[in-house]
Protein backbone atom coordinates (compact mmCIF):
# COMPACT_ATOMS: atom_id res chain seq x y z
CA ILE A 1 101.13 106.03 110.93
CA GLU A 2 99.44 106.78 114.21
CA VAL A 3 95.79 105.91 114.89
CA SER A 4 93.39 105.39 117.78
CA SER A 5 91.20 102.31 117.91
CA ASN A 6 89.09 100.99 120.79
CA GLY A 7 90.87 103.27 123.24
CA CYS A 8 94.34 102.18 122.10
CA ARG A 9 96.96 104.37 120.44
CA ILE A 10 98.58 102.34 117.63
CA LYS A 11 101.80 103.42 115.95
CA VAL A 12 103.19 101.73 112.85
CA GLY A 13 106.42 102.71 111.12
CA SER A 14 110.15 102.46 110.78
CA ARG A 15 112.80 101.92 113.45
CA ARG A 16 113.57 105.62 113.16
CA PHE A 17 109.91 106.39 113.94
CA MET A 18 110.00 104.12 117.01
CA ASP A 19 113.14 105.90 118.23
CA ARG A 20 111.54 109.30 117.70
CA GLU A 21 108.49 108.15 119.70
CA ASN A 22 110.75 106.78 122.50
CA ILE A 23 109.48 103.23 122.05
CA LYS A 24 111.96 100.59 123.17
CA VAL A 25 112.45 97.84 120.58
CA PRO A 26 113.90 94.52 121.84
CA SER A 27 117.37 93.78 120.51
CA PHE A 28 116.31 90.40 119.08
CA VAL A 29 113.78 92.22 116.89
CA ASP A 30 116.48 94.53 115.57
CA LYS A 31 118.65 91.49 114.84
CA LYS A 32 115.84 89.78 112.95
CA SER A 33 115.02 93.03 111.10
CA ASN A 34 118.64 93.29 109.95
CA GLU A 35 118.40 89.73 108.59
CA VAL A 36 115.20 90.65 106.76
CA ARG A 37 116.90 93.71 105.21
CA GLU A 38 119.91 91.66 104.12
CA LYS A 39 117.49 89.43 102.18
CA GLY A 40 115.97 92.49 100.49
CA GLY A 41 112.94 92.90 102.73
CA SER A 42 111.78 95.55 105.15
CA ALA A 43 110.60 95.48 108.72
CA ILE A 44 107.73 97.66 109.87
CA TYR A 45 107.39 98.11 113.62
CA VAL A 46 104.14 98.25 115.61
CA ALA A 47 103.54 99.75 119.06
CA VAL A 48 100.35 99.86 121.11
CA ASN A 49 100.02 102.52 123.81
CA ASP A 50 103.72 103.34 123.41
CA LYS A 51 104.86 99.76 124.03
CA PHE A 52 106.46 97.68 121.32
CA ALA A 53 103.96 95.07 120.08
CA GLY A 54 105.58 93.44 117.05
CA ALA A 55 107.01 93.79 113.59
CA LEU A 56 105.88 92.96 110.09
CA GLU A 57 108.15 91.68 107.34
CA LEU A 58 107.48 93.12 103.90
CA GLN A 59 109.03 92.10 100.62
CA SER A 60 109.26 94.62 97.81
CA SER A 61 107.43 93.95 94.63
CA HIS A 62 107.16 95.80 91.38
CA ARG A 63 104.55 96.07 88.70
CA ALA A 64 104.91 93.20 86.25
CA GLU A 65 105.16 95.56 83.29
CA ALA A 66 107.83 97.80 84.85
CA TYR A 67 110.89 96.16 83.27
CA ASP A 68 109.42 96.19 79.75
CA ILE A 69 108.30 99.81 80.13
CA LEU A 70 111.71 100.94 81.31
CA GLN A 71 113.38 99.13 78.41
CA GLY A 72 110.89 100.74 76.04
CA LEU A 73 111.74 104.17 77.40
CA ARG A 74 115.42 103.44 76.83
CA LYS A 75 114.68 102.53 73.21
CA LYS A 76 112.95 105.88 72.84
CA GLY A 77 116.04 107.70 74.09
CA VAL A 78 115.74 107.98 77.87
CA LYS A 79 119.34 107.91 79.03
CA ASN A 80 119.14 107.70 82.80
CA ILE A 81 116.51 106.04 84.99
CA VAL A 82 116.66 106.71 88.73
CA LEU A 83 114.84 105.06 91.62
CA ILE A 84 114.32 107.25 94.69
CA SER A 85 112.96 105.20 97.59
CA GLY A 86 112.26 105.55 101.25
CA ASP A 87 113.00 101.85 101.63
CA HIS A 88 116.25 100.45 103.00
CA GLU A 89 119.40 99.94 100.93
CA ALA A 90 119.12 96.20 100.27
CA PRO A 91 115.56 96.07 98.86
CA THR A 92 116.12 99.25 96.87
CA LYS A 93 119.36 97.90 95.40
CA ALA A 94 117.68 94.58 94.59
CA LEU A 95 114.76 96.28 92.85
CA ALA A 96 117.09 98.56 90.89
CA GLY A 97 119.05 95.51 89.76
CA LYS A 98 115.93 93.57 88.70
CA LEU A 99 114.64 96.50 86.68
CA GLY A 100 117.96 97.58 85.15
CA ILE A 101 117.84 101.00 86.79
CA ASP A 102 120.93 103.20 86.38
CA GLU A 103 120.98 104.95 89.75
CA TYR A 104 119.14 104.44 92.99
CA TYR A 105 118.86 106.29 96.27
CA ALA A 106 117.63 104.46 99.35
CA GLU A 107 116.29 105.58 102.73
CA VAL A 108 115.21 108.91 101.26
CA LEU A 109 112.92 110.85 103.54
CA PRO A 110 109.77 112.21 101.85
CA ALA A 111 110.98 115.82 101.92
CA ASP A 112 114.27 114.80 100.31
CA LYS A 113 112.68 113.52 97.08
CA LEU A 114 112.31 117.16 96.10
CA LYS A 115 116.02 117.75 96.78
CA TYR A 116 116.92 115.03 94.27
CA VAL A 117 114.65 116.53 91.60
CA LYS A 118 116.27 119.92 92.13
CA MET A 119 119.77 118.39 92.09
CA PHE A 120 119.12 116.63 88.77
CA LYS A 121 117.75 119.82 87.25
CA ARG A 122 120.84 121.78 88.40
CA GLN A 123 122.91 119.13 86.61
CA GLY A 124 121.07 120.05 83.41
CA ARG A 125 118.92 116.93 83.31
CA LYS A 126 115.32 116.93 82.18
CA VAL A 127 113.39 115.29 85.00
CA GLY A 128 110.33 113.12 84.67
CA PHE A 129 108.96 111.98 88.01
CA VAL A 130 106.39 109.24 88.61
CA GLY A 131 104.73 109.20 92.02
CA ASP A 132 101.45 108.47 93.72
CA GLY A 133 101.72 109.50 97.34
CA ILE A 134 101.35 112.62 99.42
CA ASN A 135 105.10 112.55 100.01
CA ASP A 136 105.70 112.60 96.25
CA SER A 137 103.77 115.82 95.62
CA PRO A 138 106.65 118.33 96.10
CA ALA A 139 108.85 116.35 93.70
CA LEU A 140 105.96 115.94 91.24
CA SER A 141 105.29 119.67 91.23
CA ASN A 142 108.96 120.51 90.54
CA ALA A 143 109.74 117.94 87.85
CA ASP A 144 109.80 118.94 84.19
CA VAL A 145 107.11 116.33 83.57
CA SER A 146 105.23 114.64 86.38
CA VAL A 147 103.07 111.55 86.18
CA SER A 148 100.71 110.03 88.69
CA LEU A 149 98.24 107.17 88.57
CA ARG A 150 94.50 106.85 88.97
CA GLY A 151 93.84 105.99 92.60
CA ALA A 152 96.84 107.98 93.85
CA SER A 153 96.51 110.48 96.68
CA ASP A 154 94.46 113.55 95.79
CA ILE A 155 97.44 115.89 96.08
CA ALA A 156 99.57 113.70 93.79
CA THR A 157 96.92 113.72 91.05
CA ASP A 158 96.28 117.45 91.56
CA VAL A 159 99.92 118.47 91.00
CA ALA A 160 100.83 115.91 88.31
CA ASP A 161 101.03 117.04 84.71
CA VAL A 162 99.61 113.69 83.59
CA VAL A 163 97.42 111.17 85.43
CA LEU A 164 97.39 107.70 83.90
CA MET A 165 93.78 106.61 84.16
CA SER A 166 94.37 102.96 83.26
CA GLY A 167 95.78 102.29 86.71
CA GLY A 168 99.03 100.91 85.31
CA LEU A 169 102.25 102.23 83.88
CA SER A 170 101.83 100.87 80.35
CA ARG A 171 100.57 104.23 79.01
CA LEU A 172 103.80 105.87 80.17
CA MET A 173 105.30 104.92 76.82
CA MET A 174 102.82 107.20 75.04
CA LEU A 175 104.24 110.27 76.79
CA TYR A 176 107.69 110.09 75.31
């Protein structure tokens, strides 16, 4: 994310983003960020006027109903559940483990979500994709069935086959 506020140019994003913007990140911050990742968290970097200003530690969370919904889908015959995330390996692996997800892919760039949908379809799989962001829209539009949520980005709700208006995932069970 890049914004202007009170005459300052503020950039917020990944280490990769900081590198691309030629912003020097102190080595002690990288060391701490690696520790955060090893514990299943993520570090988001902040720069002001192209100078490193700090980092935020984020911990992944999931919707409380997610585990039960995924188990319900399995009972209805869904054979393979995949998590495709832009997050780092450790938090993605931890989330996949907590939710009993069969496969996961971490550090996936937004444009690459579509590549995974296409790959699964070439393998003969029927693909259902749940997403809510702008970066999910290409994958949503290419899935066999796509689901978004009320409050998602406009493009995600425009291209989705189904928009769950309750704001949660519990109605996902009704689709299968």
